[in-house]
Amino acid sequence: DQIRECGRQLCKFSLHNPLVVFDVLLQQIEVYDNMAAPTVESLRYQTPLAYDVMSFVLLRHLASPRDKLKSDGRNLSSWFQSLASFAGLYHKRFPMIELDALLQYLINVLK
């Protein structure tokens, strides 16, 4: 019930400036990995444009020049793991969102 109320408030805030709202939201997900699932559930009240903006901001965060591996060179950084987990949950919960941009980014990284 609280996720529903938070989702509606998030929708109100993101209608005016979704880039800033989603940027801050993803910064919080990078730090707190247990926020991914509740955040995805709270996004169900968003507009189709907001879903596209979230995909753009997600790709921008994934493509940031920060190190994606920890200092040992074997394990993924926690921020990258959190964003990858969020991306999977996000695209699973909302199948109408196009995966083209995310898949193109993955192909370009693997080249």
PDB file of N, CA and C in Angstrom:
ATOM      1  N   ASP A   1       0.827  -1.192   0.000  1.00  0.00           N
ATOM      2  CA  ASP A   1       0.000   0.000   0.000  1.00  0.00           C
ATOM      3  C   ASP A   1       0.873   1.258   0.000  1.00  0.00           C
ATOM      4  N   GLN A   2       1.994   1.189   0.721  1.00  0.00           N
ATOM      5  CA  GLN A   2       2.882   2.344   0.765  1.00  0.00           C
ATOM      6  C   GLN A   2       3.616   2.519  -0.566  1.00  0.00           C
ATOM      7  N   ILE A   3       3.893   1.416  -1.254  1.00  0.00           N
ATOM      8  CA  ILE A   3       4.539   1.514  -2.566  1.00  0.00           C
ATOM      9  C   ILE A   3       3.618   2.205  -3.554  1.00  0.00           C
ATOM     10  N   ARG A   4       2.316   1.937  -3.448  1.00  0.00           N
ATOM     11  CA  ARG A   4       1.343   2.575  -4.334  1.00  0.00           C
ATOM     12  C   ARG A   4       1.338   4.089  -4.124  1.00  0.00           C
ATOM     13  N   GLU A   5       1.345   4.511  -2.866  1.00  0.00           N
ATOM     14  CA  GLU A   5       1.343   5.948  -2.563  1.00  0.00           C
ATOM     15  C   GLU A   5       2.646   6.605  -3.019  1.00  0.00           C
ATOM     16  N   CYS A   6       3.762   5.934  -2.778  1.00  0.00           N
ATOM     17  CA  CYS A   6       5.051   6.476  -3.230  1.00  0.00           C
ATOM     18  C   CYS A   6       5.106   6.541  -4.754  1.00  0.00           C
ATOM     19  N   GLY A   7       4.532   5.548  -5.418  1.00  0.00           N
ATOM     20  CA  GLY A   7       4.498   5.542  -6.873  1.00  0.00           C
ATOM     21  C   GLY A   7       3.705   6.700  -7.439  1.00  0.00           C
ATOM     22  N   ARG A   8       2.613   7.013  -6.805  1.00  0.00           N
ATOM     23  CA  ARG A   8       1.809   8.150  -7.272  1.00  0.00           C
ATOM     24  C   ARG A   8       2.531   9.477  -7.040  1.00  0.00           C
ATOM     25  N   GLN A   9       3.207   9.605  -5.910  1.00  0.00           N
ATOM     26  CA  GLN A   9       3.975  10.824  -5.648  1.00  0.00           C
ATOM     27  C   GLN A   9       5.146  10.949  -6.613  1.00  0.00           C
ATOM     28  N   LEU A  10       5.797   9.815  -6.887  1.00  0.00           N
ATOM     29  CA  LEU A  10       6.901   9.822  -7.840  1.00  0.00           C
ATOM     30  C   LEU A  10       6.411  10.244  -9.224  1.00  0.00           C
ATOM     31  N   CYS A  11       5.241   9.798  -9.598  1.00  0.00           N
ATOM     32  CA  CYS A  11       4.661  10.181 -10.890  1.00  0.00           C
ATOM     33  C   CYS A  11       4.413  11.683 -10.953  1.00  0.00           C
ATOM     34  N   LYS A  12       3.909  12.248  -9.877  1.00  0.00           N
ATOM     35  CA  LYS A  12       3.665  13.686  -9.841  1.00  0.00           C
ATOM     36  C   LYS A  12       4.956  14.471  -9.990  1.00  0.00           C
ATOM     37  N   PHE A  13       5.997  14.037  -9.291  1.00  0.00           N
ATOM     38  CA  PHE A  13       7.277  14.743  -9.370  1.00  0.00           C
ATOM     39  C   PHE A  13       7.919  14.594 -10.743  1.00  0.00           C
ATOM     40  N   SER A  14       7.824  13.409 -11.303  1.00  0.00           N
ATOM     41  CA  SER A  14       8.517  13.156 -12.563  1.00  0.00           C
ATOM     42  C   SER A  14       7.800  13.741 -13.771  1.00  0.00           C
ATOM     43  N   LEU A  15       6.563  14.150 -13.629  1.00  0.00           N
ATOM     44  CA  LEU A  15       5.868  14.774 -14.757  1.00  0.00           C
ATOM     45  C   LEU A  15       6.507  16.097 -15.147  1.00  0.00           C
ATOM     46  N   HIS A  16       7.047  16.806 -14.190  1.00  0.00           N
ATOM     47  CA  HIS A  16       7.595  18.128 -14.457  1.00  0.00           C
ATOM     48  C   HIS A  16       9.032  18.079 -14.962  1.00  0.00           C
ATOM     49  N   ASN A  17       9.839  17.218 -14.402  1.00  0.00           N
ATOM     50  CA  ASN A  17      11.226  17.125 -14.829  1.00  0.00           C
ATOM     51  C   ASN A  17      11.735  15.702 -14.626  1.00  0.00           C
ATOM     52  N   PRO A  18      11.404  14.800 -15.547  1.00  0.00           N
ATOM     53  CA  PRO A  18      11.751  13.390 -15.334  1.00  0.00           C
ATOM     54  C   PRO A  18      13.250  13.106 -15.353  1.00  0.00           C
ATOM     55  N   LEU A  19      14.041  13.897 -16.091  1.00  0.00           N
ATOM     56  CA  LEU A  19      15.478  13.649 -16.122  1.00  0.00           C
ATOM     57  C   LEU A  19      16.105  13.780 -14.742  1.00  0.00           C
ATOM     58  N   VAL A  20      15.751  14.825 -14.040  1.00  0.00           N
ATOM     59  CA  VAL A  20      16.325  15.059 -12.715  1.00  0.00           C
ATOM     60  C   VAL A  20      15.823  14.023 -11.724  1.00  0.00           C
ATOM     61  N   VAL A  21      14.536  13.742 -11.740  1.00  0.00           N
ATOM     62  CA  VAL A  21      13.951  12.787 -10.792  1.00  0.00           C
ATOM     63  C   VAL A  21      14.533  11.397 -10.990  1.00  0.00           C
ATOM     64  N   PHE A  22      14.612  10.941 -12.225  1.00  0.00           N
ATOM     65  CA  PHE A  22      15.113   9.594 -12.485  1.00  0.00           C
ATOM     66  C   PHE A  22      16.620   9.501 -12.272  1.00  0.00           C
ATOM     67  N   ASP A  23      17.329  10.600 -12.511  1.00  0.00           N
ATOM     68  CA  ASP A  23      18.764  10.613 -12.242  1.00  0.00           C
ATOM     69  C   ASP A  23      19.029  10.421 -10.752  1.00  0.00           C
ATOM     70  N   VAL A  24      18.303  11.144  -9.925  1.00  0.00           N
ATOM     71  CA  VAL A  24      18.454  10.999  -8.470  1.00  0.00           C
ATOM     72  C   VAL A  24      18.004   9.606  -8.023  1.00  0.00           C
ATOM     73  N   LEU A  25      16.942   9.117  -8.612  1.00  0.00           N
ATOM     74  CA  LEU A  25      16.435   7.790  -8.263  1.00  0.00           C
ATOM     75  C   LEU A  25      17.480   6.705  -8.562  1.00  0.00           C
ATOM     76  N   LEU A  26      18.119   6.792  -9.716  1.00  0.00           N
ATOM     77  CA  LEU A  26      19.133   5.795 -10.057  1.00  0.00           C
ATOM     78  C   LEU A  26      20.392   5.958  -9.212  1.00  0.00           C
ATOM     79  N   GLN A  27      20.715   7.178  -8.820  1.00  0.00           N
ATOM     80  CA  GLN A  27      21.839   7.371  -7.905  1.00  0.00           C
ATOM     81  C   GLN A  27      21.567   6.687  -6.574  1.00  0.00           C
ATOM     82  N   GLN A  28      20.330   6.744  -6.116  1.00  0.00           N
ATOM     83  CA  GLN A  28      19.979   6.066  -4.869  1.00  0.00           C
ATOM     84  C   GLN A  28      20.023   4.544  -5.036  1.00  0.00           C
ATOM     85  N   ILE A  29      19.601   4.045  -6.186  1.00  0.00           N
ATOM     86  CA  ILE A  29      19.638   2.605  -6.437  1.00  0.00           C
ATOM     87  C   ILE A  29      21.082   2.115  -6.498  1.00  0.00           C
ATOM     88  N   GLU A  30      21.986   2.935  -7.028  1.00  0.00           N
ATOM     89  CA  GLU A  30      23.394   2.558  -7.069  1.00  0.00           C
ATOM     90  C   GLU A  30      23.959   2.361  -5.661  1.00  0.00           C
ATOM     91  N   VAL A  31      23.507   3.155  -4.722  1.00  0.00           N
ATOM     92  CA  VAL A  31      24.029   3.090  -3.355  1.00  0.00           C
ATOM     93  C   VAL A  31      23.309   2.014  -2.537  1.00  0.00           C
ATOM     94  N   TYR A  32      21.987   1.958  -2.658  1.00  0.00           N
ATOM     95  CA  TYR A  32      21.179   1.021  -1.876  1.00  0.00           C
ATOM     96  C   TYR A  32      20.613  -0.038  -2.810  1.00  0.00           C
ATOM     97  N   ASP A  33      21.239  -1.206  -2.831  1.00  0.00           N
ATOM     98  CA  ASP A  33      20.850  -2.235  -3.793  1.00  0.00           C
ATOM     99  C   ASP A  33      19.478  -2.844  -3.519  1.00  0.00           C
ATOM    100  N   ASN A  34      18.958  -2.706  -2.311  1.00  0.00           N
ATOM    101  CA  ASN A  34      17.635  -3.278  -2.013  1.00  0.00           C
ATOM    102  C   ASN A  34      16.492  -2.367  -2.450  1.00  0.00           C
ATOM    103  N   MET A  35      16.797  -1.246  -3.069  1.00  0.00           N
ATOM    104  CA  MET A  35      15.761  -0.330  -3.553  1.00  0.00           C
ATOM    105  C   MET A  35      15.244  -0.680  -4.941  1.00  0.00           C
ATOM    106  N   ALA A  36      15.889  -1.605  -5.633  1.00  0.00           N
ATOM    107  CA  ALA A  36      15.542  -1.864  -7.037  1.00  0.00           C
ATOM    108  C   ALA A  36      14.112  -2.378  -7.194  1.00  0.00           C
ATOM    109  N   ALA A  37      13.745  -3.402  -6.453  1.00  0.00           N
ATOM    110  CA  ALA A  37      12.408  -3.998  -6.616  1.00  0.00           C
ATOM    111  C   ALA A  37      11.281  -3.047  -6.223  1.00  0.00           C
ATOM    112  N   PRO A  38      11.340  -2.368  -5.074  1.00  0.00           N
ATOM    113  CA  PRO A  38      10.261  -1.427  -4.756  1.00  0.00           C
ATOM    114  C   PRO A  38      10.179  -0.257  -5.738  1.00  0.00           C
ATOM    115  N   THR A  39      11.323   0.154  -6.254  1.00  0.00           N
ATOM    116  CA  THR A  39      11.322   1.260  -7.220  1.00  0.00           C
ATOM    117  C   THR A  39      10.626   0.846  -8.506  1.00  0.00           C
ATOM    118  N   VAL A  40      10.909  -0.366  -8.975  1.00  0.00           N
ATOM    119  CA  VAL A  40      10.252  -0.851 -10.195  1.00  0.00           C
ATOM    120  C   VAL A  40       8.745  -0.914  -9.993  1.00  0.00           C
ATOM    121  N   GLU A  41       8.311  -1.380  -8.840  1.00  0.00           N
ATOM    122  CA  GLU A  41       6.873  -1.445  -8.566  1.00  0.00           C
ATOM    123  C   GLU A  41       6.254  -0.045  -8.506  1.00  0.00           C
ATOM    124  N   SER A  42       6.991   0.918  -7.996  1.00  0.00           N
ATOM    125  CA  SER A  42       6.433   2.269  -7.891  1.00  0.00           C
ATOM    126  C   SER A  42       6.396   2.991  -9.232  1.00  0.00           C
ATOM    127  N   LEU A  43       7.075   2.461 -10.239  1.00  0.00           N
ATOM    128  CA  LEU A  43       7.092   3.103 -11.551  1.00  0.00           C
ATOM    129  C   LEU A  43       5.877   2.761 -12.413  1.00  0.00           C
ATOM    130  N   ARG A  44       4.966   1.954 -11.913  1.00  0.00           N
ATOM    131  CA  ARG A  44       3.843   1.521 -12.757  1.00  0.00           C
ATOM    132  C   ARG A  44       2.858   2.637 -13.077  1.00  0.00           C
ATOM    133  N   TYR A  45       2.937   3.756 -12.395  1.00  0.00           N
ATOM    134  CA  TYR A  45       2.018   4.870 -12.643  1.00  0.00           C
ATOM    135  C   TYR A  45       2.588   5.895 -13.629  1.00  0.00           C
ATOM    136  N   GLN A  46       3.745   5.627 -14.176  1.00  0.00           N
ATOM    137  CA  GLN A  46       4.402   6.586 -15.060  1.00  0.00           C
ATOM    138  C   GLN A  46       3.765   6.608 -16.450  1.00  0.00           C
ATOM    139  N   THR A  47       4.036   7.671 -17.166  1.00  0.00           N
ATOM    140  CA  THR A  47       3.566   7.807 -18.543  1.00  0.00           C
ATOM    141  C   THR A  47       4.533   7.082 -19.486  1.00  0.00           C
ATOM    142  N   PRO A  48       4.103   6.795 -20.713  1.00  0.00           N
ATOM    143  CA  PRO A  48       5.023   6.162 -21.674  1.00  0.00           C
ATOM    144  C   PRO A  48       6.283   6.997 -21.933  1.00  0.00           C
ATOM    145  N   LEU A  49       6.149   8.308 -21.945  1.00  0.00           N
ATOM    146  CA  LEU A  49       7.326   9.154 -22.115  1.00  0.00           C
ATOM    147  C   LEU A  49       8.282   8.988 -20.932  1.00  0.00           C
ATOM    148  N   ALA A  50       7.753   8.870 -19.742  1.00  0.00           N
ATOM    149  CA  ALA A  50       8.595   8.700 -18.557  1.00  0.00           C
ATOM    150  C   ALA A  50       9.353   7.374 -18.623  1.00  0.00           C
ATOM    151  N   TYR A  51       8.738   6.335 -19.166  1.00  0.00           N
ATOM    152  CA  TYR A  51       9.440   5.058 -19.319  1.00  0.00           C
ATOM    153  C   TYR A  51      10.632   5.213 -20.270  1.00  0.00           C
ATOM    154  N   ASP A  52      10.442   5.967 -21.348  1.00  0.00           N
ATOM    155  CA  ASP A  52      11.542   6.200 -22.284  1.00  0.00           C
ATOM    156  C   ASP A  52      12.647   7.036 -21.639  1.00  0.00           C
ATOM    157  N   VAL A  53      12.258   8.020 -20.859  1.00  0.00           N
ATOM    158  CA  VAL A  53      13.248   8.847 -20.175  1.00  0.00           C
ATOM    159  C   VAL A  53      14.027   8.002 -19.173  1.00  0.00           C
ATOM    160  N   MET A  54      13.347   7.109 -18.465  1.00  0.00           N
ATOM    161  CA  MET A  54      14.035   6.234 -17.514  1.00  0.00           C
ATOM    162  C   MET A  54      15.032   5.333 -18.242  1.00  0.00           C
ATOM    163  N   SER A  55      14.653   4.831 -19.404  1.00  0.00           N
ATOM    164  CA  SER A  55      15.584   4.007 -20.179  1.00  0.00           C
ATOM    165  C   SER A  55      16.813   4.808 -20.591  1.00  0.00           C
ATOM    166  N   PHE A  56      16.603   6.058 -20.984  1.00  0.00           N
ATOM    167  CA  PHE A  56      17.721   6.927 -21.366  1.00  0.00           C
ATOM    168  C   PHE A  56      18.645   7.189 -20.182  1.00  0.00           C
ATOM    169  N   VAL A  57      18.076   7.522 -19.042  1.00  0.00           N
ATOM    170  CA  VAL A  57      18.880   7.819 -17.857  1.00  0.00           C
ATOM    171  C   VAL A  57      19.608   6.558 -17.388  1.00  0.00           C
ATOM    172  N   LEU A  58      18.950   5.424 -17.488  1.00  0.00           N
ATOM    173  CA  LEU A  58      19.582   4.157 -17.115  1.00  0.00           C
ATOM    174  C   LEU A  58      20.793   3.881 -17.992  1.00  0.00           C
ATOM    175  N   LEU A  59      20.654   4.067 -19.297  1.00  0.00           N
ATOM    176  CA  LEU A  59      21.789   3.867 -20.201  1.00  0.00           C
ATOM    177  C   LEU A  59      22.909   4.856 -19.924  1.00  0.00           C
ATOM    178  N   ARG A  60      22.546   6.068 -19.599  1.00  0.00           N
ATOM    179  CA  ARG A  60      23.562   7.084 -19.278  1.00  0.00           C
ATOM    180  C   ARG A  60      24.346   6.683 -18.035  1.00  0.00           C
ATOM    181  N   HIS A  61      23.660   6.126 -17.048  1.00  0.00           N
ATOM    182  CA  HIS A  61      24.353   5.679 -15.840  1.00  0.00           C
ATOM    183  C   HIS A  61      25.212   4.448 -16.119  1.00  0.00           C
ATOM    184  N   LEU A  62      24.701   3.524 -16.910  1.00  0.00           N
ATOM    185  CA  LEU A  62      25.472   2.321 -17.232  1.00  0.00           C
ATOM    186  C   LEU A  62      26.718   2.650 -18.046  1.00  0.00           C
ATOM    187  N   ALA A  63      26.642   3.669 -18.884  1.00  0.00           N
ATOM    188  CA  ALA A  63      27.758   4.033 -19.756  1.00  0.00           C
ATOM    189  C   ALA A  63      28.715   5.030 -19.110  1.00  0.00           C
ATOM    190  N   SER A  64      28.529   5.338 -17.858  1.00  0.00           N
ATOM    191  CA  SER A  64      29.410   6.304 -17.202  1.00  0.00           C
ATOM    192  C   SER A  64      30.842   5.759 -17.175  1.00  0.00           C
ATOM    193  N   PRO A  65      31.821   6.645 -17.173  1.00  0.00           N
ATOM    194  CA  PRO A  65      33.221   6.201 -17.263  1.00  0.00           C
ATOM    195  C   PRO A  65      33.795   5.633 -15.966  1.00  0.00           C
ATOM    196  N   ARG A  66      32.976   5.392 -14.975  1.00  0.00           N
ATOM    197  CA  ARG A  66      33.469   4.819 -13.722  1.00  0.00           C
ATOM    198  C   ARG A  66      33.898   3.371 -13.926  1.00  0.00           C
ATOM    199  N   ASP A  67      34.708   2.866 -13.024  1.00  0.00           N
ATOM    200  CA  ASP A  67      35.155   1.476 -13.100  1.00  0.00           C
ATOM    201  C   ASP A  67      33.994   0.534 -12.814  1.00  0.00           C
ATOM    202  N   LYS A  68      33.803  -0.399 -13.704  1.00  0.00           N
ATOM    203  CA  LYS A  68      32.716  -1.364 -13.533  1.00  0.00           C
ATOM    204  C   LYS A  68      33.186  -2.611 -12.777  1.00  0.00           C
ATOM    205  N   LEU A  69      34.486  -2.717 -12.582  1.00  0.00           N
ATOM    206  CA  LEU A  69      35.050  -3.819 -11.823  1.00  0.00           C
ATOM    207  C   LEU A  69      35.657  -3.286 -10.532  1.00  0.00           C
ATOM    208  N   LYS A  70      35.647  -4.121  -9.520  1.00  0.00           N
ATOM    209  CA  LYS A  70      36.305  -3.752  -8.269  1.00  0.00           C
ATOM    210  C   LYS A  70      37.815  -3.778  -8.469  1.00  0.00           C
ATOM    211  N   SER A  71      38.538  -3.355  -7.453  1.00  0.00           N
ATOM    212  CA  SER A  71      39.991  -3.256  -7.577  1.00  0.00           C
ATOM    213  C   SER A  71      40.659  -4.619  -7.792  1.00  0.00           C
ATOM    214  N   ASP A  72      39.988  -5.716  -7.428  1.00  0.00           N
ATOM    215  CA  ASP A  72      40.576  -7.037  -7.645  1.00  0.00           C
ATOM    216  C   ASP A  72      40.519  -7.464  -9.117  1.00  0.00           C
ATOM    217  N   GLY A  73      39.729  -6.773  -9.928  1.00  0.00           N
ATOM    218  CA  GLY A  73      39.655  -7.061 -11.361  1.00  0.00           C
ATOM    219  C   GLY A  73      38.777  -8.228 -11.734  1.00  0.00           C
ATOM    220  N   ARG A  74      38.137  -8.858 -10.763  1.00  0.00           N
ATOM    221  CA  ARG A  74      37.308 -10.026 -11.049  1.00  0.00           C
ATOM    222  C   ARG A  74      35.826  -9.788 -10.805  1.00  0.00           C
ATOM    223  N   ASN A  75      35.508  -9.047  -9.784  1.00  0.00           N
ATOM    224  CA  ASN A  75      34.114  -8.853  -9.386  1.00  0.00           C
ATOM    225  C   ASN A  75      33.586  -7.511  -9.866  1.00  0.00           C
ATOM    226  N   LEU A  76      32.288  -7.494 -10.142  1.00  0.00           N
ATOM    227  CA  LEU A  76      31.644  -6.262 -10.571  1.00  0.00           C
ATOM    228  C   LEU A  76      31.475  -5.302  -9.402  1.00  0.00           C
ATOM    229  N   SER A  77      31.541  -4.024  -9.690  1.00  0.00           N
ATOM    230  CA  SER A  77      31.310  -3.013  -8.658  1.00  0.00           C
ATOM    231  C   SER A  77      29.868  -3.093  -8.187  1.00  0.00           C
ATOM    232  N   SER A  78      29.659  -2.691  -6.947  1.00  0.00           N
ATOM    233  CA  SER A  78      28.311  -2.797  -6.381  1.00  0.00           C
ATOM    234  C   SER A  78      27.333  -1.872  -7.095  1.00  0.00           C
ATOM    235  N   TRP A  79      27.786  -0.688  -7.513  1.00  0.00           N
ATOM    236  CA  TRP A  79      26.872   0.220  -8.210  1.00  0.00           C
ATOM    237  C   TRP A  79      26.436  -0.384  -9.545  1.00  0.00           C
ATOM    238  N   PHE A  80      27.359  -1.064 -10.220  1.00  0.00           N
ATOM    239  CA  PHE A  80      27.043  -1.661 -11.513  1.00  0.00           C
ATOM    240  C   PHE A  80      26.107  -2.857 -11.344  1.00  0.00           C
ATOM    241  N   GLN A  81      26.326  -3.657 -10.304  1.00  0.00           N
ATOM    242  CA  GLN A  81      25.445  -4.776 -10.014  1.00  0.00           C
ATOM    243  C   GLN A  81      24.037  -4.287  -9.696  1.00  0.00           C
ATOM    244  N   SER A  82      23.940  -3.227  -8.920  1.00  0.00           N
ATOM    245  CA  SER A  82      22.624  -2.684  -8.559  1.00  0.00           C
ATOM    246  C   SER A  82      21.882  -2.173  -9.784  1.00  0.00           C
ATOM    247  N   LEU A  83      22.590  -1.462 -10.661  1.00  0.00           N
ATOM    248  CA  LEU A  83      21.938  -0.954 -11.878  1.00  0.00           C
ATOM    249  C   LEU A  83      21.543  -2.085 -12.816  1.00  0.00           C
ATOM    250  N   ALA A  84      22.388  -3.096 -12.928  1.00  0.00           N
ATOM    251  CA  ALA A  84      22.055  -4.235 -13.794  1.00  0.00           C
ATOM    252  C   ALA A  84      20.840  -4.983 -13.262  1.00  0.00           C
ATOM    253  N   SER A  85      20.772  -5.130 -11.950  1.00  0.00           N
ATOM    254  CA  SER A  85      19.609  -5.775 -11.335  1.00  0.00           C
ATOM    255  C   SER A  85      18.350  -4.952 -11.582  1.00  0.00           C
ATOM    256  N   PHE A  86      18.462  -3.644 -11.425  1.00  0.00           N
ATOM    257  CA  PHE A  86      17.321  -2.764 -11.686  1.00  0.00           C
ATOM    258  C   PHE A  86      16.894  -2.850 -13.148  1.00  0.00           C
ATOM    259  N   ALA A  87      17.856  -2.846 -14.055  1.00  0.00           N
ATOM    260  CA  ALA A  87      17.533  -2.907 -15.486  1.00  0.00           C
ATOM    261  C   ALA A  87      16.773  -4.184 -15.819  1.00  0.00           C
ATOM    262  N   GLY A  88      17.206  -5.302 -15.249  1.00  0.00           N
ATOM    263  CA  GLY A  88      16.514  -6.565 -15.492  1.00  0.00           C
ATOM    264  C   GLY A  88      15.101  -6.560 -14.951  1.00  0.00           C
ATOM    265  N   LEU A  89      14.933  -6.091 -13.718  1.00  0.00           N
ATOM    266  CA  LEU A  89      13.598  -6.016 -13.123  1.00  0.00           C
ATOM    267  C   LEU A  89      12.697  -5.045 -13.883  1.00  0.00           C
ATOM    268  N   TYR A  90      13.269  -3.931 -14.297  1.00  0.00           N
ATOM    269  CA  TYR A  90      12.527  -2.883 -15.001  1.00  0.00           C
ATOM    270  C   TYR A  90      11.982  -3.394 -16.335  1.00  0.00           C
ATOM    271  N   HIS A  91      12.841  -4.056 -17.105  1.00  0.00           N
ATOM    272  CA  HIS A  91      12.396  -4.532 -18.418  1.00  0.00           C
ATOM    273  C   HIS A  91      11.526  -5.782 -18.307  1.00  0.00           C
ATOM    274  N   LYS A  92      11.648  -6.512 -17.228  1.00  0.00           N
ATOM    275  CA  LYS A  92      10.773  -7.660 -17.010  1.00  0.00           C
ATOM    276  C   LYS A  92       9.375  -7.204 -16.600  1.00  0.00           C
ATOM    277  N   ARG A  93       9.302  -6.186 -15.752  1.00  0.00           N
ATOM    278  CA  ARG A  93       8.006  -5.692 -15.250  1.00  0.00           C
ATOM    279  C   ARG A  93       7.246  -4.934 -16.331  1.00  0.00           C
ATOM    280  N   PHE A  94       7.964  -4.224 -17.195  1.00  0.00           N
ATOM    281  CA  PHE A  94       7.330  -3.411 -18.239  1.00  0.00           C
ATOM    282  C   PHE A  94       7.806  -3.888 -19.613  1.00  0.00           C
ATOM    283  N   PRO A  95       7.212  -4.954 -20.138  1.00  0.00           N
ATOM    284  CA  PRO A  95       7.687  -5.509 -21.416  1.00  0.00           C
ATOM    285  C   PRO A  95       7.425  -4.608 -22.617  1.00  0.00           C
ATOM    286  N   MET A  96       6.587  -3.587 -22.450  1.00  0.00           N
ATOM    287  CA  MET A  96       6.309  -2.711 -23.582  1.00  0.00           C
ATOM    288  C   MET A  96       7.450  -1.736 -23.863  1.00  0.00           C
ATOM    289  N   ILE A  97       8.414  -1.656 -22.953  1.00  0.00           N
ATOM    290  CA  ILE A  97       9.565  -0.776 -23.139  1.00  0.00           C
ATOM    291  C   ILE A  97      10.526  -1.452 -24.103  1.00  0.00           C
ATOM    292  N   GLU A  98      10.988  -0.687 -25.074  1.00  0.00           N
ATOM    293  CA  GLU A  98      11.874  -1.245 -26.082  1.00  0.00           C
ATOM    294  C   GLU A  98      13.257  -1.519 -25.505  1.00  0.00           C
ATOM    295  N   LEU A  99      13.797  -2.652 -25.869  1.00  0.00           N
ATOM    296  CA  LEU A  99      15.123  -3.053 -25.419  1.00  0.00           C
ATOM    297  C   LEU A  99      16.215  -2.679 -26.417  1.00  0.00           C
ATOM    298  N   ASP A 100      15.854  -2.053 -27.519  1.00  0.00           N
ATOM    299  CA  ASP A 100      16.818  -1.805 -28.586  1.00  0.00           C
ATOM    300  C   ASP A 100      18.033  -1.021 -28.097  1.00  0.00           C
ATOM    301  N   ALA A 101      17.811   0.039 -27.356  1.00  0.00           N
ATOM    302  CA  ALA A 101      18.922   0.880 -26.912  1.00  0.00           C
ATOM    303  C   ALA A 101      19.836   0.126 -25.952  1.00  0.00           C
ATOM    304  N   LEU A 102      19.255  -0.617 -25.022  1.00  0.00           N
ATOM    305  CA  LEU A 102      20.059  -1.377 -24.072  1.00  0.00           C
ATOM    306  C   LEU A 102      20.855  -2.469 -24.774  1.00  0.00           C
ATOM    307  N   LEU A 103      20.231  -3.168 -25.696  1.00  0.00           N
ATOM    308  CA  LEU A 103      20.937  -4.217 -26.434  1.00  0.00           C
ATOM    309  C   LEU A 103      22.031  -3.638 -27.323  1.00  0.00           C
ATOM    310  N   GLN A 104      21.778  -2.491 -27.930  1.00  0.00           N
ATOM    311  CA  GLN A 104      22.807  -1.850 -28.771  1.00  0.00           C
ATOM    312  C   GLN A 104      23.988  -1.418 -27.909  1.00  0.00           C
ATOM    313  N   TYR A 105      23.697  -0.913 -26.710  1.00  0.00           N
ATOM    314  CA  TYR A 105      24.788  -0.540 -25.806  1.00  0.00           C
ATOM    315  C   TYR A 105      25.614  -1.766 -25.435  1.00  0.00           C
ATOM    316  N   LEU A 106      24.959  -2.885 -25.121  1.00  0.00           N
ATOM    317  CA  LEU A 106      25.685  -4.099 -24.761  1.00  0.00           C
ATOM    318  C   LEU A 106      26.536  -4.603 -25.927  1.00  0.00           C
ATOM    319  N   ILE A 107      26.014  -4.528 -27.131  1.00  0.00           N
ATOM    320  CA  ILE A 107      26.775  -4.968 -28.315  1.00  0.00           C
ATOM    321  C   ILE A 107      27.996  -4.079 -28.496  1.00  0.00           C
ATOM    322  N   ASN A 108      27.832  -2.771 -28.332  1.00  0.00           N
ATOM    323  CA  ASN A 108      28.962  -1.857 -28.503  1.00  0.00           C
ATOM    324  C   ASN A 108      30.026  -2.066 -27.426  1.00  0.00           C
ATOM    325  N   VAL A 109      29.606  -2.400 -26.227  1.00  0.00           N
ATOM    326  CA  VAL A 109      30.577  -2.644 -25.156  1.00  0.00           C
ATOM    327  C   VAL A 109      31.353  -3.926 -25.417  1.00  0.00           C
ATOM    328  N   LEU A 110      30.703  -4.927 -25.968  1.00  0.00           N
ATOM    329  CA  LEU A 110      31.337  -6.219 -26.193  1.00  0.00           C
ATOM    330  C   LEU A 110      32.248  -6.251 -27.428  1.00  0.00           C
ATOM    331  N   LYS A 111      32.189  -5.236 -28.277  1.00  0.00           N
ATOM    332  CA  LYS A 111      33.033  -5.216 -29.482  1.00  0.00           C
ATOM    333  C   LYS A 111      34.497  -5.089 -29.120  1.00  0.00           C
TER     334      LYS A 111
END
